[in-house]
Amino acid sequence: AAATVLAFIAWNFVDGWSASGPLDHERTIII
């Protein structure tokens, strides 16, 4: 169970880097 939880956390961490973000349309940002 612990390994499963850790695996899920790790997957979620990695997926959070490559998964689609919240923007629903193209836009510009200024840095």
PDB file of all heavy atoms in Angstrom:
ATOM      1  N   ALA A   1       0.825  -1.207   0.000  1.00  0.00           N
ATOM      2  CA  ALA A   1       0.000   0.000   0.000  1.00  0.00           C
ATOM      3  C   ALA A   1       0.859   1.256   0.000  1.00  0.00           C
ATOM      4  O   ALA A   1       0.588   2.236  -0.712  1.00  0.00           O
ATOM      5  CB  ALA A   1      -0.928  -0.011   1.204  1.00  0.00           C
ATOM      6  N   ALA A   2       1.916   1.217   0.829  1.00  0.00           N
ATOM      7  CA  ALA A   2       2.813   2.372   0.901  1.00  0.00           C
ATOM      8  C   ALA A   2       3.512   2.603  -0.435  1.00  0.00           C
ATOM      9  O   ALA A   2       3.658   3.748  -0.908  1.00  0.00           O
ATOM     10  CB  ALA A   2       3.839   2.165   2.014  1.00  0.00           C
ATOM     11  N   ALA A   3       3.956   1.490  -1.050  1.00  0.00           N
ATOM     12  CA  ALA A   3       4.624   1.602  -2.341  1.00  0.00           C
ATOM     13  C   ALA A   3       3.677   2.162  -3.401  1.00  0.00           C
ATOM     14  O   ALA A   3       4.070   2.970  -4.249  1.00  0.00           O
ATOM     15  CB  ALA A   3       5.160   0.238  -2.775  1.00  0.00           C
ATOM     16  N   THR A   4       2.415   1.710  -3.309  1.00  0.00           N
ATOM     17  CA  THR A   4       1.413   2.198  -4.264  1.00  0.00           C
ATOM     18  C   THR A   4       1.193   3.690  -4.107  1.00  0.00           C
ATOM     19  O   THR A   4       1.120   4.445  -5.091  1.00  0.00           O
ATOM     20  CB  THR A   4       0.089   1.452  -4.066  1.00  0.00           C
ATOM     21  OG1 THR A   4       0.305   0.044  -4.258  1.00  0.00           O
ATOM     22  CG2 THR A   4      -0.960   1.948  -5.050  1.00  0.00           C
ATOM     23  N   VAL A   5       1.093   4.118  -2.845  1.00  0.00           N
ATOM     24  CA  VAL A   5       0.900   5.544  -2.579  1.00  0.00           C
ATOM     25  C   VAL A   5       2.086   6.352  -3.085  1.00  0.00           C
ATOM     26  O   VAL A   5       1.930   7.399  -3.732  1.00  0.00           O
ATOM     27  CB  VAL A   5       0.675   5.790  -1.075  1.00  0.00           C
ATOM     28  CG1 VAL A   5       0.699   7.286  -0.766  1.00  0.00           C
ATOM     29  CG2 VAL A   5      -0.644   5.173  -0.620  1.00  0.00           C
ATOM     30  N   LEU A   6       3.301   5.845  -2.772  1.00  0.00           N
ATOM     31  CA  LEU A   6       4.504   6.558  -3.228  1.00  0.00           C
ATOM     32  C   LEU A   6       4.575   6.606  -4.754  1.00  0.00           C
ATOM     33  O   LEU A   6       4.967   7.621  -5.336  1.00  0.00           O
ATOM     34  CB  LEU A   6       5.747   5.881  -2.657  1.00  0.00           C
ATOM     35  CG  LEU A   6       5.972   6.041  -1.156  1.00  0.00           C
ATOM     36  CD1 LEU A   6       7.157   5.192  -0.691  1.00  0.00           C
ATOM     37  CD2 LEU A   6       6.217   7.511  -0.799  1.00  0.00           C
ATOM     38  N   ALA A   7       4.207   5.481  -5.376  1.00  0.00           N
ATOM     39  CA  ALA A   7       4.218   5.435  -6.844  1.00  0.00           C
ATOM     40  C   ALA A   7       3.229   6.440  -7.418  1.00  0.00           C
ATOM     41  O   ALA A   7       3.505   7.130  -8.405  1.00  0.00           O
ATOM     42  CB  ALA A   7       3.893   4.027  -7.335  1.00  0.00           C
ATOM     43  N   PHE A   8       2.060   6.528  -6.773  1.00  0.00           N
ATOM     44  CA  PHE A   8       1.040   7.468  -7.236  1.00  0.00           C
ATOM     45  C   PHE A   8       1.528   8.904  -7.076  1.00  0.00           C
ATOM     46  O   PHE A   8       1.352   9.747  -7.967  1.00  0.00           O
ATOM     47  CB  PHE A   8      -0.262   7.269  -6.456  1.00  0.00           C
ATOM     48  CG  PHE A   8      -1.314   8.287  -6.802  1.00  0.00           C
ATOM     49  CD1 PHE A   8      -2.046   8.166  -7.971  1.00  0.00           C
ATOM     50  CD2 PHE A   8      -1.545   9.388  -5.972  1.00  0.00           C
ATOM     51  CE1 PHE A   8      -3.008   9.121  -8.297  1.00  0.00           C
ATOM     52  CE2 PHE A   8      -2.495  10.334  -6.302  1.00  0.00           C
ATOM     53  CZ  PHE A   8      -3.235  10.204  -7.471  1.00  0.00           C
ATOM     54  N   ILE A   9       2.167   9.173  -5.927  1.00  0.00           N
ATOM     55  CA  ILE A   9       2.698  10.522  -5.680  1.00  0.00           C
ATOM     56  C   ILE A   9       3.760  10.868  -6.719  1.00  0.00           C
ATOM     57  O   ILE A   9       3.792  11.970  -7.276  1.00  0.00           O
ATOM     58  CB  ILE A   9       3.263  10.625  -4.252  1.00  0.00           C
ATOM     59  CG1 ILE A   9       2.116  10.525  -3.225  1.00  0.00           C
ATOM     60  CG2 ILE A   9       4.023  11.939  -4.068  1.00  0.00           C
ATOM     61  CD1 ILE A   9       2.588  10.441  -1.784  1.00  0.00           C
ATOM     62  N   ALA A  10       4.650   9.886  -6.981  1.00  0.00           N
ATOM     63  CA  ALA A  10       5.710  10.109  -7.962  1.00  0.00           C
ATOM     64  C   ALA A  10       5.129  10.332  -9.356  1.00  0.00           C
ATOM     65  O   ALA A  10       5.548  11.238 -10.090  1.00  0.00           O
ATOM     66  CB  ALA A  10       6.669   8.922  -7.967  1.00  0.00           C
ATOM     67  N   TRP A  11       4.148   9.507  -9.716  1.00  0.00           N
ATOM     68  CA  TRP A  11       3.511   9.655 -11.032  1.00  0.00           C
ATOM     69  C   TRP A  11       2.824  11.006 -11.147  1.00  0.00           C
ATOM     70  O   TRP A  11       2.922  11.695 -12.172  1.00  0.00           O
ATOM     71  CB  TRP A  11       2.491   8.523 -11.224  1.00  0.00           C
ATOM     72  CG  TRP A  11       1.692   8.689 -12.491  1.00  0.00           C
ATOM     73  CD1 TRP A  11       2.028   8.287 -13.740  1.00  0.00           C
ATOM     74  CD2 TRP A  11       0.427   9.352 -12.597  1.00  0.00           C
ATOM     75  NE1 TRP A  11       1.050   8.651 -14.644  1.00  0.00           N
ATOM     76  CE2 TRP A  11       0.052   9.312 -13.968  1.00  0.00           C
ATOM     77  CE3 TRP A  11      -0.428   9.968 -11.678  1.00  0.00           C
ATOM     78  CZ2 TRP A  11      -1.140   9.858 -14.425  1.00  0.00           C
ATOM     79  CZ3 TRP A  11      -1.616  10.519 -12.137  1.00  0.00           C
ATOM     80  CH2 TRP A  11      -1.962  10.457 -13.504  1.00  0.00           C
ATOM     81  N   ASN A  12       2.138  11.394 -10.092  1.00  0.00           N
ATOM     82  CA  ASN A  12       1.428  12.677 -10.088  1.00  0.00           C
ATOM     83  C   ASN A  12       2.408  13.837 -10.201  1.00  0.00           C
ATOM     84  O   ASN A  12       2.138  14.827 -10.887  1.00  0.00           O
ATOM     85  CB  ASN A  12       0.603  12.807  -8.809  1.00  0.00           C
ATOM     86  CG  ASN A  12      -0.259  14.064  -8.818  1.00  0.00           C
ATOM     87  OD1 ASN A  12      -1.142  14.216  -9.640  1.00  0.00           O
ATOM     88  ND2 ASN A  12       0.018  14.977  -7.880  1.00  0.00           N
ATOM     89  N   PHE A  13       3.558  13.684  -9.558  1.00  0.00           N
ATOM     90  CA  PHE A  13       4.581  14.730  -9.597  1.00  0.00           C
ATOM     91  C   PHE A  13       5.121  14.881 -11.023  1.00  0.00           C
ATOM     92  O   PHE A  13       5.232  15.987 -11.544  1.00  0.00           O
ATOM     93  CB  PHE A  13       5.713  14.393  -8.631  1.00  0.00           C
ATOM     94  CG  PHE A  13       6.714  15.513  -8.448  1.00  0.00           C
ATOM     95  CD1 PHE A  13       6.447  16.555  -7.570  1.00  0.00           C
ATOM     96  CD2 PHE A  13       7.907  15.521  -9.151  1.00  0.00           C
ATOM     97  CE1 PHE A  13       7.367  17.583  -7.400  1.00  0.00           C
ATOM     98  CE2 PHE A  13       8.821  16.551  -8.987  1.00  0.00           C
ATOM     99  CZ  PHE A  13       8.550  17.583  -8.108  1.00  0.00           C
ATOM    100  N   VAL A  14       5.428  13.739 -11.644  1.00  0.00           N
ATOM    101  CA  VAL A  14       5.949  13.759 -13.015  1.00  0.00           C
ATOM    102  C   VAL A  14       4.870  14.231 -13.988  1.00  0.00           C
ATOM    103  O   VAL A  14       5.114  15.064 -14.862  1.00  0.00           O
ATOM    104  CB  VAL A  14       6.473  12.368 -13.412  1.00  0.00           C
ATOM    105  CG1 VAL A  14       6.868  12.346 -14.897  1.00  0.00           C
ATOM    106  CG2 VAL A  14       7.651  11.970 -12.542  1.00  0.00           C
ATOM    107  N   ASP A  15       3.658  13.683 -13.818  1.00  0.00           N
ATOM    108  CA  ASP A  15       2.567  14.043 -14.721  1.00  0.00           C
ATOM    109  C   ASP A  15       2.235  15.521 -14.612  1.00  0.00           C
ATOM    110  O   ASP A  15       1.851  16.160 -15.600  1.00  0.00           O
ATOM    111  CB  ASP A  15       1.325  13.213 -14.385  1.00  0.00           C
ATOM    112  CG  ASP A  15       0.179  13.487 -15.351  1.00  0.00           C
ATOM    113  OD1 ASP A  15       0.350  13.174 -16.556  1.00  0.00           O
ATOM    114  OD2 ASP A  15      -0.852  14.027 -14.923  1.00  0.00           O
ATOM    115  N   GLY A  16       2.393  16.098 -13.425  1.00  0.00           N
ATOM    116  CA  GLY A  16       2.116  17.522 -13.235  1.00  0.00           C
ATOM    117  C   GLY A  16       3.054  18.415 -14.022  1.00  0.00           C
ATOM    118  O   GLY A  16       2.774  19.603 -14.207  1.00  0.00           O
ATOM    119  N   TRP A  17       4.160  17.874 -14.484  1.00  0.00           N
ATOM    120  CA  TRP A  17       5.109  18.640 -15.290  1.00  0.00           C
ATOM    121  C   TRP A  17       4.756  18.597 -16.779  1.00  0.00           C
ATOM    122  O   TRP A  17       4.960  19.560 -17.505  1.00  0.00           O
ATOM    123  CB  TRP A  17       6.513  18.112 -15.074  1.00  0.00           C
ATOM    124  CG  TRP A  17       7.589  18.942 -15.732  1.00  0.00           C
ATOM    125  CD1 TRP A  17       8.423  18.570 -16.730  1.00  0.00           C
ATOM    126  CD2 TRP A  17       7.941  20.287 -15.405  1.00  0.00           C
ATOM    127  NE1 TRP A  17       9.276  19.592 -17.072  1.00  0.00           N
ATOM    128  CE2 TRP A  17       9.002  20.667 -16.259  1.00  0.00           C
ATOM    129  CE3 TRP A  17       7.462  21.208 -14.479  1.00  0.00           C
ATOM    130  CZ2 TRP A  17       9.590  21.920 -16.214  1.00  0.00           C
ATOM    131  CZ3 TRP A  17       8.045  22.467 -14.428  1.00  0.00           C
ATOM    132  CH2 TRP A  17       9.103  22.815 -15.290  1.00  0.00           C
ATOM    133  N   SER A  18       4.197  17.468 -17.219  1.00  0.00           N
ATOM    134  CA  SER A  18       3.935  17.289 -18.649  1.00  0.00           C
ATOM    135  C   SER A  18       2.453  17.333 -19.020  1.00  0.00           C
ATOM    136  O   SER A  18       2.113  17.416 -20.195  1.00  0.00           O
ATOM    137  CB  SER A  18       4.523  15.958 -19.122  1.00  0.00           C
ATOM    138  OG  SER A  18       3.976  14.883 -18.374  1.00  0.00           O
ATOM    139  N   ALA A  19       1.563  17.276 -18.030  1.00  0.00           N
ATOM    140  CA  ALA A  19       0.130  17.279 -18.332  1.00  0.00           C
ATOM    141  C   ALA A  19      -0.331  18.654 -18.807  1.00  0.00           C
ATOM    142  O   ALA A  19       0.301  19.679 -18.531  1.00  0.00           O
ATOM    143  CB  ALA A  19      -0.661  16.889 -17.082  1.00  0.00           C
ATOM    144  N   SER A  20      -1.442  18.679 -19.528  1.00  0.00           N
ATOM    145  CA  SER A  20      -1.994  19.939 -20.040  1.00  0.00           C
ATOM    146  C   SER A  20      -2.317  20.890 -18.893  1.00  0.00           C
ATOM    147  O   SER A  20      -2.801  20.486 -17.836  1.00  0.00           O
ATOM    148  CB  SER A  20      -3.270  19.672 -20.835  1.00  0.00           C
ATOM    149  OG  SER A  20      -2.972  18.925 -21.999  1.00  0.00           O
ATOM    150  N   GLY A  21      -2.051  22.177 -19.131  1.00  0.00           N
ATOM    151  CA  GLY A  21      -2.303  23.192 -18.120  1.00  0.00           C
ATOM    152  C   GLY A  21      -3.695  23.781 -18.231  1.00  0.00           C
ATOM    153  O   GLY A  21      -4.513  23.349 -19.053  1.00  0.00           O
ATOM    154  N   PRO A  22      -3.995  24.795 -17.443  1.00  0.00           N
ATOM    155  CA  PRO A  22      -5.355  25.339 -17.339  1.00  0.00           C
ATOM    156  C   PRO A  22      -5.790  26.290 -18.458  1.00  0.00           C
ATOM    157  O   PRO A  22      -6.969  26.605 -18.563  1.00  0.00           O
ATOM    158  CB  PRO A  22      -5.324  26.087 -16.006  1.00  0.00           C
ATOM    159  CG  PRO A  22      -3.891  26.510 -15.866  1.00  0.00           C
ATOM    160  CD  PRO A  22      -3.090  25.386 -16.450  1.00  0.00           C
ATOM    161  N   LEU A  23      -4.850  26.750 -19.302  1.00  0.00           N
ATOM    162  CA  LEU A  23      -5.246  27.714 -20.333  1.00  0.00           C
ATOM    163  C   LEU A  23      -6.179  27.070 -21.359  1.00  0.00           C
ATOM    164  O   LEU A  23      -5.840  26.043 -21.949  1.00  0.00           O
ATOM    165  CB  LEU A  23      -4.009  28.255 -21.061  1.00  0.00           C
ATOM    166  CG  LEU A  23      -3.254  29.426 -20.419  1.00  0.00           C
ATOM    167  CD1 LEU A  23      -2.128  29.884 -21.327  1.00  0.00           C
ATOM    168  CD2 LEU A  23      -4.185  30.581 -20.117  1.00  0.00           C
ATOM    169  N   ASP A  24      -7.322  27.692 -21.601  1.00  0.00           N
ATOM    170  CA  ASP A  24      -8.260  27.151 -22.582  1.00  0.00           C
ATOM    171  C   ASP A  24      -8.167  27.870 -23.928  1.00  0.00           C
ATOM    172  O   ASP A  24      -8.863  27.535 -24.874  1.00  0.00           O
ATOM    173  CB  ASP A  24      -9.703  27.218 -22.062  1.00  0.00           C
ATOM    174  CG  ASP A  24     -10.129  28.648 -21.711  1.00  0.00           C
ATOM    175  OD1 ASP A  24      -9.340  29.586 -21.947  1.00  0.00           O
ATOM    176  OD2 ASP A  24     -11.246  28.821 -21.201  1.00  0.00           O
ATOM    177  N   HIS A  25      -7.278  28.890 -24.016  1.00  0.00           N
ATOM    178  CA  HIS A  25      -7.035  29.560 -25.290  1.00  0.00           C
ATOM    179  C   HIS A  25      -5.643  30.176 -25.253  1.00  0.00           C
ATOM    180  O   HIS A  25      -5.085  30.461 -24.188  1.00  0.00           O
ATOM    181  CB  HIS A  25      -8.079  30.654 -25.545  1.00  0.00           C
ATOM    182  CG  HIS A  25      -8.056  31.748 -24.523  1.00  0.00           C
ATOM    183  ND1 HIS A  25      -8.693  31.641 -23.305  1.00  0.00           N
ATOM    184  CD2 HIS A  25      -7.455  32.971 -24.527  1.00  0.00           C
ATOM    185  CE1 HIS A  25      -8.489  32.744 -22.597  1.00  0.00           C
ATOM    186  NE2 HIS A  25      -7.739  33.563 -23.316  1.00  0.00           N
ATOM    187  N   GLU A  26      -5.073  30.351 -26.420  1.00  0.00           N
ATOM    188  CA  GLU A  26      -3.737  30.944 -26.517  1.00  0.00           C
ATOM    189  C   GLU A  26      -3.761  32.372 -25.985  1.00  0.00           C
ATOM    190  O   GLU A  26      -4.713  33.117 -26.205  1.00  0.00           O
ATOM    191  CB  GLU A  26      -3.298  30.942 -27.983  1.00  0.00           C
ATOM    192  CG  GLU A  26      -1.881  31.446 -28.212  1.00  0.00           C
ATOM    193  CD  GLU A  26      -1.479  31.360 -29.670  1.00  0.00           C
ATOM    194  OE1 GLU A  26      -1.976  32.208 -30.459  1.00  0.00           O
ATOM    195  OE2 GLU A  26      -0.709  30.468 -30.034  1.00  0.00           O
ATOM    196  N   ARG A  27      -2.677  32.751 -25.285  1.00  0.00           N
ATOM    197  CA  ARG A  27      -2.585  34.118 -24.783  1.00  0.00           C
ATOM    198  C   ARG A  27      -1.136  34.511 -24.598  1.00  0.00           C
ATOM    199  O   ARG A  27      -0.232  33.671 -24.636  1.00  0.00           O
ATOM    200  CB  ARG A  27      -3.348  34.265 -23.463  1.00  0.00           C
ATOM    201  CG  ARG A  27      -2.799  33.433 -22.318  1.00  0.00           C
ATOM    202  CD  ARG A  27      -3.356  33.874 -20.989  1.00  0.00           C
ATOM    203  NE  ARG A  27      -2.944  35.249 -20.687  1.00  0.00           N
ATOM    204  CZ  ARG A  27      -3.304  35.886 -19.579  1.00  0.00           C
ATOM    205  NH1 ARG A  27      -4.110  35.296 -18.707  1.00  0.00           N
ATOM    206  NH2 ARG A  27      -2.889  37.103 -19.335  1.00  0.00           N
ATOM    207  N   THR A  28      -0.913  35.787 -24.402  1.00  0.00           N
ATOM    208  CA  THR A  28       0.445  36.265 -24.167  1.00  0.00           C
ATOM    209  C   THR A  28       0.625  36.615 -22.695  1.00  0.00           C
ATOM    210  O   THR A  28      -0.334  36.996 -22.018  1.00  0.00           O
ATOM    211  CB  THR A  28       0.752  37.519 -25.017  1.00  0.00           C
ATOM    212  OG1 THR A  28      -0.157  38.557 -24.672  1.00  0.00           O
ATOM    213  CG2 THR A  28       0.643  37.203 -26.491  1.00  0.00           C
ATOM    214  N   ILE A  29       1.846  36.457 -22.229  1.00  0.00           N
ATOM    215  CA  ILE A  29       2.198  36.878 -20.879  1.00  0.00           C
ATOM    216  C   ILE A  29       3.445  37.743 -20.962  1.00  0.00           C
ATOM    217  O   ILE A  29       4.235  37.626 -21.907  1.00  0.00           O
ATOM    218  CB  ILE A  29       2.460  35.680 -19.932  1.00  0.00           C
ATOM    219  CG1 ILE A  29       3.634  34.835 -20.447  1.00  0.00           C
ATOM    220  CG2 ILE A  29       1.216  34.839 -19.768  1.00  0.00           C
ATOM    221  CD1 ILE A  29       4.097  33.788 -19.452  1.00  0.00           C
ATOM    222  N   ILE A  30       3.598  38.629 -20.021  1.00  0.00           N
ATOM    223  CA  ILE A  30       4.755  39.519 -19.987  1.00  0.00           C
ATOM    224  C   ILE A  30       5.597  39.202 -18.760  1.00  0.00           C
ATOM    225  O   ILE A  30       5.089  39.217 -17.631  1.00  0.00           O
ATOM    226  CB  ILE A  30       4.321  40.991 -19.960  1.00  0.00           C
ATOM    227  CG1 ILE A  30       3.524  41.328 -21.226  1.00  0.00           C
ATOM    228  CG2 ILE A  30       5.534  41.906 -19.845  1.00  0.00           C
ATOM    229  CD1 ILE A  30       2.910  42.708 -21.203  1.00  0.00           C
ATOM    230  N   ILE A  31       6.859  38.883 -18.988  1.00  0.00           N
ATOM    231  CA  ILE A  31       7.811  38.676 -17.902  1.00  0.00           C
ATOM    232  C   ILE A  31       8.680  39.933 -17.830  1.00  0.00           C
ATOM    233  O   ILE A  31       9.420  40.251 -18.773  1.00  0.00           O
ATOM    234  CB  ILE A  31       8.684  37.428 -18.152  1.00  0.00           C
ATOM    235  CG1 ILE A  31       7.799  36.186 -18.345  1.00  0.00           C
ATOM    236  CG2 ILE A  31       9.661  37.242 -17.000  1.00  0.00           C
ATOM    237  CD1 ILE A  31       6.908  35.860 -17.178  1.00  0.00           C
TER     238      ILE A  31
END
